């Protein structure tokens, strides 16, 4: 990483960012100015940490995942074409990092970590709301979806991102996104029903 120093400080609430300023910082960072990327970290660290915390449900792990997300973002920055906002792109990178870590922990036989409240992910599924563990079951099942499906479900329900923004982040047409979302909901419904059958 050279001179790039990334330090995520979760308690800090940052001021709102400006997309145009982000674009300028991204251009500078692509030219090798590490301090420009460090500024992007400062601008977006709270959002990235909050998302990681929803996935990992542990502050220390969330901080590790947030730092890993920014490190991965730095490595991949030259491939960022600006088709979406930098914040949206970092959201996708963070989802990917967290889902990869969850899968790795599951393979090692560790207790899986689930994302936080999906903000209404139960909507559209025929699940008895009287079951107090339903939300936890849905969270667990989301992490078992293919990565691209887990990402779009999380972006849509957790962050309430519009289809256009999600499609831009995933670099796919909106029509393709709608198809993926239909399939993701279908797969999620099956997984949830299987889980409920084992309760």
N, C-alpha and C. Protein backbone atom coordinates (compact mmCIF):
# COMPACT_ATOMS: atom_id res chain seq x y z
N UNK A 1 0.81 -1.21 0.00
CA UNK A 1 0.00 0.00 0.00
C UNK A 1 0.85 1.27 0.00
N UNK A 2 2.13 1.12 0.24
CA UNK A 2 2.98 2.30 0.20
C UNK A 2 2.66 3.27 1.30
N UNK A 3 2.50 4.54 0.95
CA UNK A 3 2.30 5.58 1.94
C UNK A 3 0.85 5.70 2.37
N UNK A 4 -0.04 4.92 1.77
CA UNK A 4 -1.44 5.04 2.12
C UNK A 4 -1.67 4.51 3.52
N UNK A 5 -2.27 5.32 4.36
CA UNK A 5 -2.60 4.91 5.72
C UNK A 5 -4.10 4.99 5.89
N UNK A 6 -4.70 3.85 6.21
CA UNK A 6 -6.15 3.82 6.38
C UNK A 6 -6.46 3.50 7.83
N UNK A 7 -7.20 4.36 8.47
CA UNK A 7 -7.61 4.14 9.84
C UNK A 7 -9.08 4.48 9.95
N UNK A 8 -9.89 3.47 10.22
CA UNK A 8 -11.33 3.69 10.34
C UNK A 8 -11.67 3.96 11.79
N UNK A 9 -12.35 5.06 12.03
CA UNK A 9 -12.75 5.43 13.39
C UNK A 9 -14.27 5.44 13.46
N UNK A 10 -14.90 4.36 13.87
CA UNK A 10 -16.35 4.23 13.82
C UNK A 10 -17.16 5.25 14.58
N UNK A 11 -16.71 5.78 15.72
CA UNK A 11 -17.59 6.70 16.45
C UNK A 11 -17.80 8.04 15.78
N UNK A 12 -16.98 8.40 14.79
CA UNK A 12 -17.05 9.73 14.21
C UNK A 12 -18.19 9.84 13.21
N UNK A 13 -19.05 10.85 13.36
CA UNK A 13 -20.09 11.12 12.38
C UNK A 13 -19.59 12.20 11.45
N UNK A 14 -19.50 11.89 10.19
CA UNK A 14 -18.95 12.84 9.23
C UNK A 14 -20.00 13.78 8.69
N UNK A 15 -19.56 14.90 8.18
CA UNK A 15 -20.46 15.82 7.52
C UNK A 15 -20.90 15.23 6.18
N UNK A 16 -22.03 15.66 5.64
CA UNK A 16 -22.48 15.13 4.35
C UNK A 16 -21.43 15.38 3.28
N UNK A 17 -21.28 14.43 2.36
CA UNK A 17 -20.29 14.57 1.31
C UNK A 17 -20.91 15.21 0.09
N UNK A 18 -20.06 15.69 -0.81
CA UNK A 18 -20.51 16.29 -2.06
C UNK A 18 -19.94 15.45 -3.20
N UNK A 19 -20.82 14.97 -4.07
CA UNK A 19 -20.41 14.08 -5.13
C UNK A 19 -19.34 14.69 -6.03
N UNK A 20 -19.49 16.00 -6.31
CA UNK A 20 -18.51 16.61 -7.20
C UNK A 20 -17.13 16.64 -6.56
N UNK A 21 -17.07 16.87 -5.25
CA UNK A 21 -15.79 16.86 -4.55
C UNK A 21 -15.21 15.45 -4.53
N UNK A 22 -16.08 14.46 -4.35
CA UNK A 22 -15.63 13.06 -4.38
C UNK A 22 -14.99 12.74 -5.73
N UNK A 23 -15.62 13.20 -6.79
CA UNK A 23 -15.10 12.92 -8.13
C UNK A 23 -13.70 13.49 -8.30
N UNK A 24 -13.49 14.68 -7.80
CA UNK A 24 -12.17 15.30 -7.91
C UNK A 24 -11.14 14.51 -7.10
N UNK A 25 -11.53 14.06 -5.92
CA UNK A 25 -10.62 13.27 -5.09
C UNK A 25 -10.30 11.93 -5.75
N UNK A 26 -11.31 11.32 -6.37
CA UNK A 26 -11.09 10.05 -7.06
C UNK A 26 -10.08 10.23 -8.19
N UNK A 27 -10.24 11.31 -8.95
CA UNK A 27 -9.30 11.56 -10.05
C UNK A 27 -7.87 11.73 -9.53
N UNK A 28 -7.72 12.43 -8.43
CA UNK A 28 -6.39 12.63 -7.84
C UNK A 28 -5.84 11.32 -7.31
N UNK A 29 -6.70 10.54 -6.65
CA UNK A 29 -6.25 9.25 -6.10
C UNK A 29 -5.78 8.32 -7.20
N UNK A 30 -6.48 8.36 -8.34
CA UNK A 30 -6.09 7.51 -9.47
C UNK A 30 -4.72 7.90 -10.01
N UNK A 31 -4.36 9.16 -9.84
CA UNK A 31 -3.05 9.63 -10.31
C UNK A 31 -1.95 9.35 -9.30
N UNK A 32 -2.31 8.67 -8.21
CA UNK A 32 -1.30 8.28 -7.24
C UNK A 32 -1.21 9.14 -6.00
N UNK A 33 -2.15 10.07 -5.81
CA UNK A 33 -2.14 10.92 -4.62
C UNK A 33 -2.82 10.19 -3.47
N UNK A 34 -2.03 9.57 -2.59
CA UNK A 34 -2.58 8.78 -1.50
C UNK A 34 -3.41 9.62 -0.54
N UNK A 35 -3.01 10.90 -0.38
CA UNK A 35 -3.75 11.75 0.56
C UNK A 35 -5.18 12.01 0.07
N UNK A 36 -5.38 11.95 -1.24
CA UNK A 36 -6.73 12.14 -1.78
C UNK A 36 -7.62 10.96 -1.39
N UNK A 37 -7.08 9.75 -1.46
CA UNK A 37 -7.87 8.60 -1.04
C UNK A 37 -8.09 8.61 0.46
N UNK A 38 -7.11 9.07 1.21
CA UNK A 38 -7.27 9.18 2.65
C UNK A 38 -8.43 10.12 2.99
N UNK A 39 -8.59 11.17 2.20
CA UNK A 39 -9.72 12.10 2.39
C UNK A 39 -11.04 11.39 2.08
N UNK A 40 -11.05 10.56 1.04
CA UNK A 40 -12.26 9.79 0.73
C UNK A 40 -12.62 8.86 1.89
N UNK A 41 -11.58 8.28 2.51
CA UNK A 41 -11.82 7.42 3.68
C UNK A 41 -12.46 8.23 4.78
N UNK A 42 -11.93 9.41 5.05
CA UNK A 42 -12.49 10.25 6.12
C UNK A 42 -13.94 10.62 5.82
N UNK A 43 -14.25 10.86 4.55
CA UNK A 43 -15.60 11.26 4.18
C UNK A 43 -16.61 10.12 4.33
N UNK A 44 -16.17 8.89 4.05
CA UNK A 44 -17.12 7.78 3.95
C UNK A 44 -16.94 6.70 5.01
N UNK A 45 -16.03 6.91 5.95
CA UNK A 45 -15.75 5.85 6.92
C UNK A 45 -16.96 5.50 7.78
N UNK A 46 -17.76 6.48 8.13
CA UNK A 46 -18.91 6.19 9.00
C UNK A 46 -19.92 5.30 8.27
N UNK A 47 -20.19 5.62 7.02
CA UNK A 47 -21.16 4.84 6.24
C UNK A 47 -20.67 3.42 6.03
N UNK A 48 -19.39 3.27 5.67
CA UNK A 48 -18.82 1.95 5.43
C UNK A 48 -18.80 1.13 6.72
N UNK A 49 -18.40 1.76 7.82
CA UNK A 49 -18.38 1.04 9.10
C UNK A 49 -19.79 0.62 9.50
N UNK A 50 -20.76 1.50 9.34
CA UNK A 50 -22.14 1.17 9.72
C UNK A 50 -22.67 -0.02 8.93
N UNK A 51 -22.35 -0.05 7.63
CA UNK A 51 -22.78 -1.18 6.81
C UNK A 51 -22.08 -2.46 7.27
N UNK A 52 -20.79 -2.40 7.52
CA UNK A 52 -20.06 -3.57 7.99
C UNK A 52 -20.60 -4.06 9.32
N UNK A 53 -21.00 -3.14 10.18
CA UNK A 53 -21.54 -3.53 11.48
C UNK A 53 -22.87 -4.27 11.32
N UNK A 54 -23.68 -3.85 10.34
CA UNK A 54 -24.93 -4.55 10.11
C UNK A 54 -24.69 -5.99 9.68
N UNK A 55 -23.63 -6.19 8.92
CA UNK A 55 -23.30 -7.54 8.49
C UNK A 55 -22.67 -8.35 9.63
N UNK A 56 -21.63 -7.81 10.24
CA UNK A 56 -20.82 -8.59 11.18
C UNK A 56 -21.40 -8.62 12.59
N UNK A 57 -22.13 -7.59 12.96
CA UNK A 57 -22.78 -7.51 14.27
C UNK A 57 -21.79 -7.59 15.42
N UNK A 58 -20.63 -7.06 15.17
CA UNK A 58 -19.57 -7.01 16.18
C UNK A 58 -18.69 -5.81 15.84
N UNK A 59 -18.56 -4.85 16.75
CA UNK A 59 -17.82 -3.62 16.44
C UNK A 59 -16.39 -3.85 15.97
N UNK A 60 -15.67 -4.76 16.64
CA UNK A 60 -14.28 -4.99 16.26
C UNK A 60 -14.20 -5.61 14.86
N UNK A 61 -15.04 -6.59 14.59
CA UNK A 61 -15.05 -7.20 13.26
C UNK A 61 -15.49 -6.20 12.21
N UNK A 62 -16.46 -5.37 12.56
CA UNK A 62 -16.93 -4.36 11.61
C UNK A 62 -15.82 -3.39 11.25
N UNK A 63 -15.02 -3.00 12.24
CA UNK A 63 -13.91 -2.10 11.96
C UNK A 63 -12.89 -2.76 11.05
N UNK A 64 -12.62 -4.06 11.30
CA UNK A 64 -11.68 -4.79 10.43
C UNK A 64 -12.21 -4.86 9.00
N UNK A 65 -13.50 -5.14 8.86
CA UNK A 65 -14.09 -5.26 7.52
C UNK A 65 -14.14 -3.91 6.82
N UNK A 66 -14.39 -2.85 7.57
CA UNK A 66 -14.39 -1.51 6.97
C UNK A 66 -13.01 -1.17 6.44
N UNK A 67 -11.98 -1.48 7.23
CA UNK A 67 -10.62 -1.20 6.78
C UNK A 67 -10.28 -2.04 5.55
N UNK A 68 -10.69 -3.32 5.56
CA UNK A 68 -10.44 -4.19 4.41
C UNK A 68 -11.17 -3.67 3.18
N UNK A 69 -12.39 -3.15 3.38
CA UNK A 69 -13.16 -2.62 2.25
C UNK A 69 -12.44 -1.44 1.61
N UNK A 70 -11.89 -0.55 2.44
CA UNK A 70 -11.17 0.60 1.87
C UNK A 70 -9.86 0.17 1.20
N UNK A 71 -9.20 -0.83 1.77
CA UNK A 71 -7.99 -1.34 1.14
C UNK A 71 -8.31 -1.95 -0.22
N UNK A 72 -9.40 -2.71 -0.27
CA UNK A 72 -9.81 -3.30 -1.54
C UNK A 72 -10.23 -2.20 -2.51
N UNK A 73 -10.94 -1.19 -2.00
CA UNK A 73 -11.34 -0.07 -2.84
C UNK A 73 -10.13 0.63 -3.44
N UNK A 74 -9.08 0.79 -2.65
CA UNK A 74 -7.87 1.44 -3.15
C UNK A 74 -7.22 0.62 -4.25
N UNK A 75 -7.20 -0.70 -4.06
CA UNK A 75 -6.60 -1.58 -5.07
C UNK A 75 -7.40 -1.57 -6.37
N UNK A 76 -8.72 -1.44 -6.26
CA UNK A 76 -9.59 -1.52 -7.43
C UNK A 76 -9.92 -0.15 -8.03
N UNK A 77 -9.40 0.90 -7.43
CA UNK A 77 -9.84 2.25 -7.81
C UNK A 77 -9.62 2.56 -9.29
N UNK A 78 -8.55 2.06 -9.86
CA UNK A 78 -8.27 2.37 -11.27
C UNK A 78 -9.36 1.82 -12.18
N UNK A 79 -10.08 0.81 -11.71
CA UNK A 79 -11.16 0.23 -12.50
C UNK A 79 -12.49 0.93 -12.28
N UNK A 80 -12.54 1.91 -11.37
CA UNK A 80 -13.77 2.65 -11.11
C UNK A 80 -13.95 3.70 -12.20
N UNK A 81 -15.00 3.53 -13.01
CA UNK A 81 -15.20 4.39 -14.17
C UNK A 81 -16.10 5.59 -13.90
N UNK A 82 -16.63 5.68 -12.70
CA UNK A 82 -17.49 6.81 -12.39
C UNK A 82 -18.90 6.66 -12.90
N UNK A 83 -19.33 5.43 -13.19
CA UNK A 83 -20.70 5.20 -13.66
C UNK A 83 -21.73 5.43 -12.55
N UNK A 84 -21.26 5.43 -11.31
CA UNK A 84 -22.14 5.69 -10.16
C UNK A 84 -21.35 6.54 -9.17
N UNK A 85 -21.99 6.95 -8.11
CA UNK A 85 -21.30 7.72 -7.08
C UNK A 85 -20.24 6.86 -6.41
N UNK A 86 -19.18 7.49 -5.92
CA UNK A 86 -18.14 6.76 -5.21
C UNK A 86 -18.73 6.06 -4.00
N UNK A 87 -19.65 6.71 -3.31
CA UNK A 87 -20.26 6.11 -2.12
C UNK A 87 -21.02 4.83 -2.47
N UNK A 88 -21.70 4.84 -3.62
CA UNK A 88 -22.43 3.64 -4.06
C UNK A 88 -21.45 2.54 -4.41
N UNK A 89 -20.36 2.87 -5.06
CA UNK A 89 -19.34 1.90 -5.41
C UNK A 89 -18.72 1.29 -4.17
N UNK A 90 -18.42 2.12 -3.16
CA UNK A 90 -17.84 1.62 -1.92
C UNK A 90 -18.85 0.75 -1.18
N UNK A 91 -20.12 1.04 -1.33
CA UNK A 91 -21.15 0.22 -0.71
C UNK A 91 -21.05 -1.20 -1.27
N UNK A 92 -20.92 -1.30 -2.58
CA UNK A 92 -20.81 -2.62 -3.21
C UNK A 92 -19.54 -3.33 -2.76
N UNK A 93 -18.43 -2.62 -2.71
CA UNK A 93 -17.17 -3.21 -2.27
C UNK A 93 -17.30 -3.74 -0.84
N UNK A 94 -17.93 -2.96 0.02
CA UNK A 94 -18.09 -3.37 1.42
C UNK A 94 -18.96 -4.61 1.54
N UNK A 95 -20.06 -4.65 0.80
CA UNK A 95 -20.92 -5.83 0.79
C UNK A 95 -20.11 -7.06 0.40
N UNK A 96 -19.32 -6.94 -0.64
CA UNK A 96 -18.52 -8.05 -1.13
C UNK A 96 -17.54 -8.54 -0.08
N UNK A 97 -16.84 -7.60 0.57
CA UNK A 97 -15.86 -7.96 1.60
C UNK A 97 -16.54 -8.69 2.76
N UNK A 98 -17.66 -8.17 3.21
CA UNK A 98 -18.35 -8.78 4.35
C UNK A 98 -18.90 -10.15 4.01
N UNK A 99 -19.51 -10.28 2.84
CA UNK A 99 -20.07 -11.58 2.43
C UNK A 99 -18.96 -12.62 2.27
N UNK A 100 -17.82 -12.19 1.76
CA UNK A 100 -16.68 -13.11 1.62
C UNK A 100 -16.20 -13.59 2.98
N UNK A 101 -16.12 -12.69 3.94
CA UNK A 101 -15.68 -13.06 5.28
C UNK A 101 -16.68 -13.98 5.97
N UNK A 102 -17.97 -13.70 5.78
CA UNK A 102 -19.00 -14.56 6.37
C UNK A 102 -18.89 -15.98 5.80
N UNK A 103 -18.70 -16.08 4.48
CA UNK A 103 -18.56 -17.39 3.85
C UNK A 103 -17.31 -18.09 4.36
N UNK A 104 -16.22 -17.34 4.54
CA UNK A 104 -14.98 -17.93 5.03
C UNK A 104 -15.17 -18.48 6.44
N UNK A 105 -15.87 -17.74 7.28
CA UNK A 105 -16.10 -18.19 8.65
C UNK A 105 -17.00 -19.42 8.68
N UNK A 106 -17.96 -19.45 7.78
CA UNK A 106 -18.85 -20.61 7.73
C UNK A 106 -18.07 -21.86 7.32
N UNK A 107 -17.16 -21.71 6.35
CA UNK A 107 -16.36 -22.86 5.91
C UNK A 107 -15.47 -23.37 7.04
N UNK A 108 -15.03 -22.46 7.89
CA UNK A 108 -14.18 -22.88 9.01
C UNK A 108 -15.00 -23.45 10.16
N UNK A 109 -16.32 -23.44 10.00
CA UNK A 109 -17.17 -23.99 11.04
C UNK A 109 -17.45 -23.04 12.18
N UNK A 110 -17.13 -21.76 12.00
CA UNK A 110 -17.40 -20.79 13.05
C UNK A 110 -18.86 -20.35 12.98
N UNK A 111 -19.33 -19.78 14.06
CA UNK A 111 -20.71 -19.30 14.09
C UNK A 111 -20.86 -18.20 13.06
N UNK A 112 -21.78 -18.34 12.10
CA UNK A 112 -21.92 -17.32 11.06
C UNK A 112 -22.44 -16.01 11.61
N UNK A 113 -22.00 -14.93 10.99
CA UNK A 113 -22.48 -13.60 11.35
C UNK A 113 -23.48 -13.16 10.30
N UNK A 114 -24.58 -12.59 10.75
CA UNK A 114 -25.61 -12.17 9.82
C UNK A 114 -25.70 -10.66 9.77
N UNK A 115 -26.14 -10.10 8.63
CA UNK A 115 -26.32 -8.66 8.56
C UNK A 115 -27.42 -8.22 9.48
N UNK A 116 -27.42 -6.94 9.81
CA UNK A 116 -28.44 -6.41 10.71
C UNK A 116 -29.80 -6.37 10.05
N UNK A 117 -30.74 -5.75 10.72
CA UNK A 117 -32.12 -5.71 10.26
C UNK A 117 -32.19 -5.28 8.81
N UNK A 118 -32.72 -6.14 7.92
CA UNK A 118 -32.74 -5.82 6.49
C UNK A 118 -33.73 -4.75 6.13
N UNK A 119 -34.30 -4.08 7.10
CA UNK A 119 -35.16 -2.93 6.82
C UNK A 119 -36.37 -3.29 5.99
N UNK A 120 -36.98 -4.42 6.33
CA UNK A 120 -38.19 -4.79 5.62
C UNK A 120 -37.98 -5.89 4.62
N UNK A 121 -36.88 -6.64 4.74
CA UNK A 121 -36.62 -7.70 3.78
C UNK A 121 -37.67 -8.79 3.86
N UNK A 122 -38.42 -8.83 4.98
CA UNK A 122 -39.45 -9.84 5.10
C UNK A 122 -40.63 -9.54 4.17
N UNK A 123 -40.74 -8.29 3.72
CA UNK A 123 -41.86 -7.91 2.87
C UNK A 123 -41.83 -8.72 1.59
N UNK A 124 -42.98 -9.24 1.20
CA UNK A 124 -43.05 -10.02 -0.02
C UNK A 124 -42.89 -11.50 0.22
N UNK A 125 -42.69 -11.89 1.47
CA UNK A 125 -42.55 -13.29 1.81
C UNK A 125 -43.69 -13.68 2.75
N UNK A 126 -44.27 -14.84 2.50
CA UNK A 126 -45.39 -15.30 3.31
C UNK A 126 -44.86 -16.00 4.55
N UNK A 127 -44.53 -15.19 5.56
CA UNK A 127 -43.96 -15.71 6.80
C UNK A 127 -44.83 -15.24 7.95
N UNK A 128 -45.09 -16.14 8.88
CA UNK A 128 -45.91 -15.80 10.03
C UNK A 128 -45.20 -14.75 10.87
N UNK A 129 -45.72 -13.53 10.95
CA UNK A 129 -45.05 -12.46 11.69
C UNK A 129 -45.01 -12.72 13.19
N UNK A 130 -45.79 -13.70 13.67
CA UNK A 130 -45.80 -13.98 15.09
C UNK A 130 -44.53 -14.72 15.53
N UNK A 131 -43.77 -15.25 14.55
CA UNK A 131 -42.53 -15.95 14.89
C UNK A 131 -41.45 -14.92 15.21
N UNK A 132 -41.03 -14.89 16.46
CA UNK A 132 -40.08 -13.85 16.87
C UNK A 132 -38.71 -14.01 16.23
N UNK A 133 -38.40 -15.22 15.75
CA UNK A 133 -37.09 -15.45 15.16
C UNK A 133 -37.07 -15.23 13.65
N UNK A 134 -38.19 -14.80 13.11
CA UNK A 134 -38.28 -14.65 11.65
C UNK A 134 -37.22 -13.71 11.09
N UNK A 135 -37.04 -12.55 11.71
CA UNK A 135 -36.06 -11.58 11.21
C UNK A 135 -34.66 -12.17 11.20
N UNK A 136 -34.33 -12.91 12.25
CA UNK A 136 -33.00 -13.52 12.32
C UNK A 136 -32.84 -14.59 11.25
N UNK A 137 -33.90 -15.33 10.99
CA UNK A 137 -33.86 -16.35 9.95
C UNK A 137 -33.64 -15.71 8.58
N UNK A 138 -34.35 -14.61 8.33
CA UNK A 138 -34.18 -13.91 7.05
C UNK A 138 -32.75 -13.40 6.91
N UNK A 139 -32.21 -12.82 7.98
CA UNK A 139 -30.84 -12.32 7.93
C UNK A 139 -29.86 -13.45 7.59
N UNK A 140 -30.06 -14.59 8.23
CA UNK A 140 -29.17 -15.72 7.98
C UNK A 140 -29.29 -16.21 6.53
N UNK A 141 -30.50 -16.26 6.05
CA UNK A 141 -30.73 -16.75 4.69
C UNK A 141 -30.16 -15.81 3.63
N UNK A 142 -30.19 -14.51 3.88
CA UNK A 142 -29.63 -13.55 2.93
C UNK A 142 -28.15 -13.85 2.68
N UNK A 143 -27.43 -14.21 3.73
CA UNK A 143 -26.00 -14.49 3.58
C UNK A 143 -25.74 -15.78 2.82
N UNK A 144 -26.76 -16.60 2.62
CA UNK A 144 -26.60 -17.86 1.88
C UNK A 144 -26.93 -17.69 0.40
N UNK A 145 -27.42 -16.54 0.02
CA UNK A 145 -27.69 -16.28 -1.39
C UNK A 145 -26.38 -16.11 -2.15
N UNK A 146 -26.38 -16.31 -3.47
CA UNK A 146 -25.20 -15.96 -4.25
C UNK A 146 -24.82 -14.50 -3.98
N UNK A 147 -23.54 -14.20 -4.06
CA UNK A 147 -23.06 -12.87 -3.66
C UNK A 147 -23.82 -11.73 -4.34
N UNK A 148 -24.04 -11.85 -5.67
CA UNK A 148 -24.70 -10.74 -6.36
C UNK A 148 -26.13 -10.57 -5.88
N UNK A 149 -26.81 -11.67 -5.55
CA UNK A 149 -28.18 -11.57 -5.05
C UNK A 149 -28.19 -10.98 -3.64
N UNK A 150 -27.27 -11.44 -2.80
CA UNK A 150 -27.20 -10.91 -1.44
C UNK A 150 -26.91 -9.41 -1.46
N UNK A 151 -26.07 -9.00 -2.39
CA UNK A 151 -25.72 -7.58 -2.48
C UNK A 151 -26.92 -6.73 -2.87
N UNK A 152 -27.65 -7.13 -3.91
CA UNK A 152 -28.77 -6.30 -4.36
C UNK A 152 -29.92 -6.31 -3.35
N UNK A 153 -30.15 -7.44 -2.70
CA UNK A 153 -31.20 -7.49 -1.67
C UNK A 153 -30.83 -6.57 -0.52
N UNK A 154 -29.56 -6.60 -0.11
CA UNK A 154 -29.11 -5.75 0.99
C UNK A 154 -29.19 -4.28 0.61
N UNK A 155 -28.75 -3.93 -0.60
CA UNK A 155 -28.79 -2.53 -1.03
C UNK A 155 -30.23 -2.02 -1.11
N UNK A 156 -31.13 -2.86 -1.60
CA UNK A 156 -32.51 -2.42 -1.82
C UNK A 156 -33.28 -2.30 -0.51
N UNK A 157 -33.15 -3.31 0.35
CA UNK A 157 -33.95 -3.32 1.57
C UNK A 157 -33.26 -2.63 2.75
N UNK A 158 -31.96 -2.82 2.87
CA UNK A 158 -31.26 -2.25 4.02
C UNK A 158 -31.02 -0.76 3.85
N UNK A 159 -30.52 -0.38 2.69
CA UNK A 159 -30.21 1.03 2.44
C UNK A 159 -31.28 1.74 1.63
N UNK A 160 -32.27 0.98 1.16
CA UNK A 160 -33.36 1.54 0.37
C UNK A 160 -32.83 2.32 -0.84
N UNK A 161 -31.79 1.76 -1.46
CA UNK A 161 -31.25 2.38 -2.67
C UNK A 161 -32.20 2.12 -3.84
N UNK A 162 -32.40 3.10 -4.72
CA UNK A 162 -33.28 2.90 -5.89
C UNK A 162 -32.65 1.95 -6.89
N UNK A 163 -33.49 1.36 -7.72
CA UNK A 163 -33.01 0.41 -8.72
C UNK A 163 -31.91 1.01 -9.60
N UNK A 164 -32.10 2.28 -10.00
CA UNK A 164 -31.14 2.91 -10.90
C UNK A 164 -29.75 2.96 -10.28
N UNK A 165 -29.69 3.27 -8.98
CA UNK A 165 -28.40 3.38 -8.29
C UNK A 165 -27.77 2.00 -8.12
N UNK A 166 -28.59 1.01 -7.78
CA UNK A 166 -28.06 -0.35 -7.62
C UNK A 166 -27.53 -0.87 -8.95
N UNK A 167 -28.30 -0.64 -10.01
CA UNK A 167 -27.89 -1.10 -11.34
C UNK A 167 -26.56 -0.46 -11.73
N UNK A 168 -26.40 0.83 -11.43
CA UNK A 168 -25.15 1.52 -11.74
C UNK A 168 -23.99 0.91 -10.97
N UNK A 169 -24.21 0.62 -9.69
CA UNK A 169 -23.16 0.05 -8.86
C UNK A 169 -22.77 -1.35 -9.33
N UNK A 170 -23.77 -2.11 -9.78
CA UNK A 170 -23.52 -3.48 -10.24
C UNK A 170 -23.10 -3.52 -11.71
N UNK A 171 -23.20 -2.36 -12.39
CA UNK A 171 -22.83 -2.24 -13.81
C UNK A 171 -23.68 -3.18 -14.68
N UNK A 172 -24.99 -3.14 -14.43
CA UNK A 172 -25.93 -3.94 -15.21
C UNK A 172 -27.12 -3.06 -15.57
N UNK A 173 -27.87 -3.41 -16.63
CA UNK A 173 -29.08 -2.66 -16.97
C UNK A 173 -30.14 -2.84 -15.87
N UNK A 174 -31.02 -1.86 -15.76
CA UNK A 174 -32.09 -1.94 -14.76
C UNK A 174 -32.95 -3.18 -15.00
N UNK A 175 -33.18 -3.51 -16.27
CA UNK A 175 -33.98 -4.69 -16.58
C UNK A 175 -33.35 -5.97 -16.04
N UNK A 176 -32.02 -6.06 -16.16
CA UNK A 176 -31.31 -7.21 -15.62
C UNK A 176 -31.42 -7.24 -14.10
N UNK A 177 -31.32 -6.06 -13.49
CA UNK A 177 -31.43 -5.98 -12.03
C UNK A 177 -32.80 -6.49 -11.57
N UNK A 178 -33.84 -6.10 -12.27
CA UNK A 178 -35.18 -6.55 -11.89
C UNK A 178 -35.29 -8.07 -11.99
N UNK A 179 -34.66 -8.64 -13.00
CA UNK A 179 -34.66 -10.10 -13.15
C UNK A 179 -33.91 -10.75 -11.99
N UNK A 180 -32.75 -10.18 -11.67
CA UNK A 180 -31.97 -10.71 -10.55
C UNK A 180 -32.75 -10.60 -9.25
N UNK A 181 -33.43 -9.47 -9.06
CA UNK A 181 -34.18 -9.26 -7.82
C UNK A 181 -35.32 -10.28 -7.72
N UNK A 182 -35.99 -10.56 -8.82
CA UNK A 182 -37.05 -11.56 -8.82
C UNK A 182 -36.50 -12.92 -8.41
N UNK A 183 -35.35 -13.28 -9.00
CA UNK A 183 -34.75 -14.57 -8.68
C UNK A 183 -34.23 -14.60 -7.24
N UNK A 184 -33.68 -13.47 -6.79
CA UNK A 184 -33.16 -13.41 -5.42
C UNK A 184 -34.29 -13.59 -4.41
N UNK A 185 -35.42 -12.92 -4.63
CA UNK A 185 -36.56 -13.06 -3.73
C UNK A 185 -37.06 -14.49 -3.73
N UNK A 186 -37.08 -15.11 -4.92
CA UNK A 186 -37.55 -16.48 -5.03
C UNK A 186 -36.65 -17.43 -4.25
N UNK A 187 -35.33 -17.27 -4.44
CA UNK A 187 -34.38 -18.11 -3.72
C UNK A 187 -34.46 -17.86 -2.22
N UNK A 188 -34.59 -16.60 -1.84
CA UNK A 188 -34.66 -16.26 -0.43
C UNK A 188 -35.90 -16.86 0.21
N UNK A 189 -37.02 -16.81 -0.51
CA UNK A 189 -38.27 -17.38 0.01
C UNK A 189 -38.10 -18.88 0.28
N UNK A 190 -37.45 -19.58 -0.67
CA UNK A 190 -37.23 -21.02 -0.50
C UNK A 190 -36.34 -21.29 0.72
N UNK A 191 -35.28 -20.53 0.85
CA UNK A 191 -34.37 -20.71 1.97
C UNK A 191 -35.07 -20.47 3.31
N UNK A 192 -35.88 -19.41 3.34
CA UNK A 192 -36.59 -19.08 4.57
C UNK A 192 -37.59 -20.17 4.93
N UNK A 193 -38.30 -20.64 3.92
CA UNK A 193 -39.29 -21.70 4.17
C UNK A 193 -38.62 -22.98 4.66
N UNK A 194 -37.43 -23.28 4.12
CA UNK A 194 -36.67 -24.44 4.59
C UNK A 194 -36.27 -24.27 6.05
N UNK A 195 -35.80 -23.06 6.37
CA UNK A 195 -35.41 -22.77 7.75
C UNK A 195 -36.59 -22.90 8.71
N UNK A 196 -37.72 -22.36 8.30
CA UNK A 196 -38.90 -22.40 9.16
C UNK A 196 -39.36 -23.84 9.35
N UNK A 197 -39.15 -24.67 8.32
CA UNK A 197 -39.57 -26.07 8.43
C UNK A 197 -38.74 -26.84 9.42
N UNK A 198 -37.52 -26.27 9.74
CA UNK A 198 -36.64 -26.94 10.68
C UNK A 198 -36.78 -26.40 12.08
N UNK A 199 -37.58 -25.33 12.24
CA UNK A 199 -37.73 -24.72 13.57
C UNK A 199 -38.55 -25.62 14.47
